[in-house]
Structures are given as C-alpha cells and as structure tokens.
Amino acid sequence: MRHGKKINHLGRTASHRKAMLSNMASSLILHKRVTTTVAKAKALRKYVEPLLTKSKNDTTHSRRTIFSYLQDKESVKILFDEIANKIATRPGGYTRILKTGNRLGDNADMCIIELVDYNENMLSATAAAAKPRSRRRSKKKDSADTPAANAAPAKPEESTNADQATKAEDAE
C-alpha cells in the first residue's frame, strides 16, 4: 500500500532521482521550458517551485541553499538575476504543464513544463483577452448608421454592356 507516500520515486534510486531532478531544474531555468513525461514534470514542479520562491530573497544563504540543490553556477546566476525579478510579484504557481500527447515509442504521456512568465505567446493572448468586451452594439454606431441609410437612397445599378446587349436582342 502507498498510504502517505507523497514522493513519486520514478523507478529510480534516491541518488539517481536527486541528480535527475537537479539536471532537469537547471535545464528548466536555463531554457525556460523542457519537454518530458507528465510524471517527471509533476515531480520537477514540486522540486523547482520552492527554489523559485527562495530565489526572491537574494541573500548569500539562499544562493548557497539553491546551489546545493542545482549544482550549477550558471543556472543559479540566471535564477537570481533574471527570473527572480520577473516572478517577484507572483505569489506562487511559477510553472505550467502543457500536455502534448503520447510518445511514439512507448506511448508515455508527454508534456512541456515551462516557466509561466516566459511564454510570450500566452502572455500576449491573455493581455488581449483582458480587455472587457460588450455584447451590445454601441449607440453611436446605431445612430450613425440609421440616418446615413435613410438620407442616401441606394442608386440603381448602371447596366453593363452585357445587359445592354441582351436588351437589344429582346427588342428585335
């Protein structure tokens, strides 16, 4: 039975799992998105989100703590310099998991895990959708359309050469 066991062991030993999650977290920080299986992405989210929260407080202690998890100087530098500034006002939920379907070889559920503030396509879409839209037509358009339609009666269409030719044939 699995009662009260919150860690997904992912079929690995503890040292292998720790190394894999550390490498995946570094890749996520460096590249802003990683394609992986859904199970690994969920485990990575639990691993990396506390690190992102800790990076908001830029102290020597938090840098050393995060370095002990990541073991990569470059990713720690990017985390504190770029990412921490961008997520400073966000209260949590720094990652997003987007399911992409099944892998061809073994039919495993695949997904993309990404940092929320770095997907420019979704950010622009949500900014455009944030504008409130009314379902009613505005009164300015109604009042502008009605007098113009009533004031200018439609002109009869001028006959074309083909119409004139058919009229001439009918007259004969």
C-alpha atoms as a PDB file:
ATOM      1  CA  MET A   1       0.000   0.000   0.000  1.00  0.00           C
ATOM      2  CA  ARG A   2       1.071   3.567  -0.687  1.00  0.00           C
ATOM      3  CA  HIS A   3      -0.560   5.369   2.219  1.00  0.00           C
ATOM      4  CA  GLY A   4       1.063   8.712   2.996  1.00  0.00           C
ATOM      5  CA  LYS A   5       3.867   8.374   0.441  1.00  0.00           C
ATOM      6  CA  LYS A   6       3.969  11.695  -1.346  1.00  0.00           C
ATOM      7  CA  ILE A   7       7.163  11.306  -3.384  1.00  0.00           C
ATOM      8  CA  ASN A   8       6.952   9.685  -6.803  1.00  0.00           C
ATOM      9  CA  HIS A   9      10.104   7.587  -6.914  1.00  0.00           C
ATOM     10  CA  LEU A  10      10.029   7.473 -10.746  1.00  0.00           C
ATOM     11  CA  GLY A  11      11.563   3.989 -10.737  1.00  0.00           C
ATOM     12  CA  ARG A  12      14.958   5.284  -9.605  1.00  0.00           C
ATOM     13  CA  THR A  13      17.201   5.178  -6.587  1.00  0.00           C
ATOM     14  CA  ALA A  14      17.301   8.254  -4.367  1.00  0.00           C
ATOM     15  CA  SER A  15      20.665   9.447  -5.693  1.00  0.00           C
ATOM     16  CA  HIS A  16      19.632   8.954  -9.325  1.00  0.00           C
ATOM     17  CA  ARG A  17      16.321  10.761  -8.738  1.00  0.00           C
ATOM     18  CA  LYS A  18      18.071  13.664  -6.993  1.00  0.00           C
ATOM     19  CA  ALA A  19      20.595  14.028  -9.817  1.00  0.00           C
ATOM     20  CA  MET A  20      17.886  13.811 -12.496  1.00  0.00           C
ATOM     21  CA  LEU A  21      15.674  16.435 -10.855  1.00  0.00           C
ATOM     22  CA  SER A  22      18.675  18.702 -10.311  1.00  0.00           C
ATOM     23  CA  ASN A  23      19.627  18.470 -14.002  1.00  0.00           C
ATOM     24  CA  MET A  24      16.043  18.996 -15.136  1.00  0.00           C
ATOM     25  CA  ALA A  25      15.661  22.020 -12.856  1.00  0.00           C
ATOM     26  CA  SER A  26      18.868  23.535 -14.237  1.00  0.00           C
ATOM     27  CA  SER A  27      17.661  22.934 -17.797  1.00  0.00           C
ATOM     28  CA  LEU A  28      14.300  24.495 -16.989  1.00  0.00           C
ATOM     29  CA  ILE A  29      15.982  27.587 -15.570  1.00  0.00           C
ATOM     30  CA  LEU A  30      18.403  27.918 -18.494  1.00  0.00           C
ATOM     31  CA  HIS A  31      15.980  27.163 -21.341  1.00  0.00           C
ATOM     32  CA  LYS A  32      12.676  28.274 -19.729  1.00  0.00           C
ATOM     33  CA  ARG A  33      10.901  25.098 -20.989  1.00  0.00           C
ATOM     34  CA  VAL A  34      11.587  21.368 -21.046  1.00  0.00           C
ATOM     35  CA  THR A  35       9.810  18.516 -22.850  1.00  0.00           C
ATOM     36  CA  THR A  36       9.436  15.446 -20.631  1.00  0.00           C
ATOM     37  CA  THR A  37       6.922  12.904 -19.343  1.00  0.00           C
ATOM     38  CA  VAL A  38       3.991  14.027 -17.207  1.00  0.00           C
ATOM     39  CA  ALA A  39       5.202  12.110 -14.133  1.00  0.00           C
ATOM     40  CA  LYS A  40       8.654  13.691 -14.296  1.00  0.00           C
ATOM     41  CA  ALA A  41       7.145  17.136 -14.883  1.00  0.00           C
ATOM     42  CA  LYS A  42       4.953  16.832 -11.791  1.00  0.00           C
ATOM     43  CA  ALA A  43       7.948  15.728  -9.723  1.00  0.00           C
ATOM     44  CA  LEU A  44      10.021  18.580 -11.184  1.00  0.00           C
ATOM     45  CA  ARG A  45       7.327  21.116 -10.308  1.00  0.00           C
ATOM     46  CA  LYS A  46       7.450  20.041  -6.647  1.00  0.00           C
ATOM     47  CA  TYR A  47      11.247  20.268  -6.768  1.00  0.00           C
ATOM     48  CA  VAL A  48      11.714  23.613  -8.524  1.00  0.00           C
ATOM     49  CA  GLU A  49       8.891  25.811  -7.191  1.00  0.00           C
ATOM     50  CA  PRO A  50      10.328  26.068  -3.655  1.00  0.00           C
ATOM     51  CA  LEU A  51      13.655  27.019  -5.247  1.00  0.00           C
ATOM     52  CA  LEU A  52      11.974  29.783  -7.243  1.00  0.00           C
ATOM     53  CA  THR A  53      10.285  31.063  -4.092  1.00  0.00           C
ATOM     54  CA  LYS A  54      13.602  31.053  -2.261  1.00  0.00           C
ATOM     55  CA  SER A  55      15.247  32.990  -5.113  1.00  0.00           C
ATOM     56  CA  LYS A  56      13.033  36.023  -4.415  1.00  0.00           C
ATOM     57  CA  ASN A  57      15.160  36.666  -1.313  1.00  0.00           C
ATOM     58  CA  ASP A  58      18.633  37.411  -2.733  1.00  0.00           C
ATOM     59  CA  THR A  59      20.929  36.618   0.174  1.00  0.00           C
ATOM     60  CA  THR A  60      24.125  34.626   0.385  1.00  0.00           C
ATOM     61  CA  HIS A  61      22.356  31.934   2.374  1.00  0.00           C
ATOM     62  CA  SER A  62      19.579  31.479  -0.205  1.00  0.00           C
ATOM     63  CA  ARG A  63      22.141  31.408  -3.046  1.00  0.00           C
ATOM     64  CA  ARG A  64      24.132  28.687  -1.287  1.00  0.00           C
ATOM     65  CA  THR A  65      20.995  26.699  -0.476  1.00  0.00           C
ATOM     66  CA  ILE A  66      19.846  26.789  -4.103  1.00  0.00           C
ATOM     67  CA  PHE A  67      23.334  25.915  -5.330  1.00  0.00           C
ATOM     68  CA  SER A  68      23.265  22.822  -3.097  1.00  0.00           C
ATOM     69  CA  TYR A  69      20.148  21.703  -5.000  1.00  0.00           C
ATOM     70  CA  LEU A  70      21.158  22.679  -8.538  1.00  0.00           C
ATOM     71  CA  GLN A  71      24.964  22.188  -8.547  1.00  0.00           C
ATOM     72  CA  ASP A  72      25.263  24.619 -11.485  1.00  0.00           C
ATOM     73  CA  LYS A  73      26.665  28.133 -11.110  1.00  0.00           C
ATOM     74  CA  GLU A  74      25.247  29.400 -14.401  1.00  0.00           C
ATOM     75  CA  SER A  75      21.672  28.396 -13.605  1.00  0.00           C
ATOM     76  CA  VAL A  76      21.929  29.915 -10.097  1.00  0.00           C
ATOM     77  CA  LYS A  77      23.148  33.174 -11.633  1.00  0.00           C
ATOM     78  CA  ILE A  78      20.311  33.285 -14.176  1.00  0.00           C
ATOM     79  CA  LEU A  79      17.799  32.350 -11.487  1.00  0.00           C
ATOM     80  CA  PHE A  80      18.747  35.233  -9.228  1.00  0.00           C
ATOM     81  CA  ASP A  81      19.472  37.834 -11.927  1.00  0.00           C
ATOM     82  CA  GLU A  82      16.641  37.330 -14.439  1.00  0.00           C
ATOM     83  CA  ILE A  83      13.942  35.023 -13.165  1.00  0.00           C
ATOM     84  CA  ALA A  84      13.692  36.335  -9.598  1.00  0.00           C
ATOM     85  CA  ASN A  85      12.995  39.858 -10.903  1.00  0.00           C
ATOM     86  CA  LYS A  86      10.282  38.610 -13.226  1.00  0.00           C
ATOM     87  CA  ILE A  87       8.472  36.492 -10.609  1.00  0.00           C
ATOM     88  CA  ALA A  88       8.881  38.967  -7.736  1.00  0.00           C
ATOM     89  CA  THR A  89       5.181  39.873  -7.585  1.00  0.00           C
ATOM     90  CA  ARG A  90       3.796  36.403  -8.346  1.00  0.00           C
ATOM     91  CA  PRO A  91       2.520  34.663  -5.183  1.00  0.00           C
ATOM     92  CA  GLY A  92       3.208  31.148  -6.491  1.00  0.00           C
ATOM     93  CA  GLY A  93       2.498  28.898  -9.446  1.00  0.00           C
ATOM     94  CA  TYR A  94       5.674  29.631 -11.369  1.00  0.00           C
ATOM     95  CA  THR A  95       5.465  26.666 -13.743  1.00  0.00           C
ATOM     96  CA  ARG A  96       2.893  25.425 -16.244  1.00  0.00           C
ATOM     97  CA  ILE A  97       2.477  21.888 -17.576  1.00  0.00           C
ATOM     98  CA  LEU A  98       1.074  21.600 -21.111  1.00  0.00           C
ATOM     99  CA  LYS A  99       0.236  18.049 -22.208  1.00  0.00           C
ATOM    100  CA  THR A 100       1.347  17.248 -25.752  1.00  0.00           C
ATOM    101  CA  GLY A 101       0.110  13.699 -26.294  1.00  0.00           C
ATOM    102  CA  ASN A 102       1.794  10.310 -26.240  1.00  0.00           C
ATOM    103  CA  ARG A 103       5.343   9.366 -27.211  1.00  0.00           C
ATOM    104  CA  LEU A 104       5.547   7.125 -30.259  1.00  0.00           C
ATOM    105  CA  GLY A 105       7.998   4.558 -28.870  1.00  0.00           C
ATOM    106  CA  ASP A 106       6.339   3.569 -25.598  1.00  0.00           C
ATOM    107  CA  ASN A 107       3.095   5.577 -25.566  1.00  0.00           C
ATOM    108  CA  ALA A 108       4.168   7.560 -22.490  1.00  0.00           C
ATOM    109  CA  ASP A 109       2.211  10.740 -21.690  1.00  0.00           C
ATOM    110  CA  MET A 110       4.417  13.645 -22.781  1.00  0.00           C
ATOM    111  CA  CYS A 111       4.226  17.302 -21.818  1.00  0.00           C
ATOM    112  CA  ILE A 112       6.066  20.588 -21.814  1.00  0.00           C
ATOM    113  CA  ILE A 113       6.863  22.177 -18.467  1.00  0.00           C
ATOM    114  CA  GLU A 114       7.651  25.880 -18.712  1.00  0.00           C
ATOM    115  CA  LEU A 115       8.083  28.964 -16.602  1.00  0.00           C
ATOM    116  CA  VAL A 116       4.821  30.893 -16.694  1.00  0.00           C
ATOM    117  CA  ASP A 117       6.285  34.385 -17.123  1.00  0.00           C
ATOM    118  CA  TYR A 118       8.389  33.401 -20.133  1.00  0.00           C
ATOM    119  CA  ASN A 119       5.745  32.194 -22.603  1.00  0.00           C
ATOM    120  CA  GLU A 120       5.368  35.348 -24.706  1.00  0.00           C
ATOM    121  CA  ASN A 121       2.576  33.909 -26.894  1.00  0.00           C
ATOM    122  CA  MET A 122       0.302  33.189 -23.923  1.00  0.00           C
ATOM    123  CA  LEU A 123       1.171  36.483 -22.233  1.00  0.00           C
ATOM    124  CA  SER A 124       0.140  38.477 -25.311  1.00  0.00           C
ATOM    125  CA  ALA A 125      -3.034  36.397 -25.707  1.00  0.00           C
ATOM    126  CA  THR A 126      -4.073  36.974 -22.096  1.00  0.00           C
ATOM    127  CA  ALA A 127      -3.321  40.696 -22.388  1.00  0.00           C
ATOM    128  CA  ALA A 128      -5.559  40.913 -25.455  1.00  0.00           C
ATOM    129  CA  ALA A 129      -8.283  38.874 -23.788  1.00  0.00           C
ATOM    130  CA  ALA A 130      -8.128  41.008 -20.650  1.00  0.00           C
ATOM    131  CA  LYS A 131      -9.917  43.887 -22.382  1.00  0.00           C
ATOM    132  CA  PRO A 132     -13.616  43.810 -21.485  1.00  0.00           C
ATOM    133  CA  ARG A 133     -15.869  43.426 -24.478  1.00  0.00           C
ATOM    134  CA  SER A 134     -19.509  44.348 -24.604  1.00  0.00           C
ATOM    135  CA  ARG A 135     -22.008  42.100 -26.287  1.00  0.00           C
ATOM    136  CA  ARG A 136     -24.234  45.027 -27.220  1.00  0.00           C
ATOM    137  CA  ARG A 137     -23.792  47.299 -30.156  1.00  0.00           C
ATOM    138  CA  SER A 138     -22.878  50.786 -29.144  1.00  0.00           C
ATOM    139  CA  LYS A 139     -25.489  53.507 -29.622  1.00  0.00           C
ATOM    140  CA  LYS A 140     -23.068  55.663 -31.568  1.00  0.00           C
ATOM    141  CA  LYS A 141     -22.860  53.090 -34.333  1.00  0.00           C
ATOM    142  CA  ASP A 142     -26.656  52.655 -34.423  1.00  0.00           C
ATOM    143  CA  SER A 143     -27.321  56.390 -34.637  1.00  0.00           C
ATOM    144  CA  ALA A 144     -24.590  56.859 -37.234  1.00  0.00           C
ATOM    145  CA  ASP A 145     -25.806  54.006 -39.437  1.00  0.00           C
ATOM    146  CA  THR A 146     -29.538  54.842 -39.394  1.00  0.00           C
ATOM    147  CA  PRO A 147     -29.518  58.453 -40.719  1.00  0.00           C
ATOM    148  CA  ALA A 148     -26.941  57.601 -43.361  1.00  0.00           C
ATOM    149  CA  ALA A 149     -29.077  54.751 -44.632  1.00  0.00           C
ATOM    150  CA  ASN A 150     -32.250  56.867 -44.633  1.00  0.00           C
ATOM    151  CA  ALA A 151     -30.689  60.026 -46.085  1.00  0.00           C
ATOM    152  CA  ALA A 152     -28.965  58.498 -49.089  1.00  0.00           C
ATOM    153  CA  PRO A 153     -31.244  56.232 -51.122  1.00  0.00           C
ATOM    154  CA  ALA A 154     -29.468  53.491 -52.996  1.00  0.00           C
ATOM    155  CA  LYS A 155     -28.656  54.303 -56.620  1.00  0.00           C
ATOM    156  CA  PRO A 156     -29.907  51.890 -59.228  1.00  0.00           C
ATOM    157  CA  GLU A 157     -27.068  49.914 -60.700  1.00  0.00           C
ATOM    158  CA  GLU A 158     -25.925  51.017 -64.104  1.00  0.00           C
ATOM    159  CA  SER A 159     -26.413  48.415 -66.763  1.00  0.00           C
ATOM    160  CA  THR A 160     -23.340  46.785 -68.180  1.00  0.00           C
ATOM    161  CA  ASN A 161     -22.546  46.112 -71.809  1.00  0.00           C
ATOM    162  CA  ALA A 162     -23.803  42.543 -71.482  1.00  0.00           C
ATOM    163  CA  ASP A 163     -27.151  43.793 -70.131  1.00  0.00           C
ATOM    164  CA  GLN A 164     -27.429  46.275 -72.955  1.00  0.00           C
ATOM    165  CA  ALA A 165     -26.724  43.545 -75.499  1.00  0.00           C
ATOM    166  CA  THR A 166     -29.458  41.308 -74.068  1.00  0.00           C
ATOM    167  CA  LYS A 167     -31.909  44.215 -74.067  1.00  0.00           C
ATOM    168  CA  ALA A 168     -31.120  44.941 -77.701  1.00  0.00           C
ATOM    169  CA  GLU A 169     -31.710  41.313 -78.619  1.00  0.00           C
ATOM    170  CA  ASP A 170     -35.041  41.300 -76.791  1.00  0.00           C
ATOM    171  CA  ALA A 171     -36.134  44.449 -78.606  1.00  0.00           C
ATOM    172  CA  GLU A 172     -35.575  42.875 -82.011  1.00  0.00           C
END
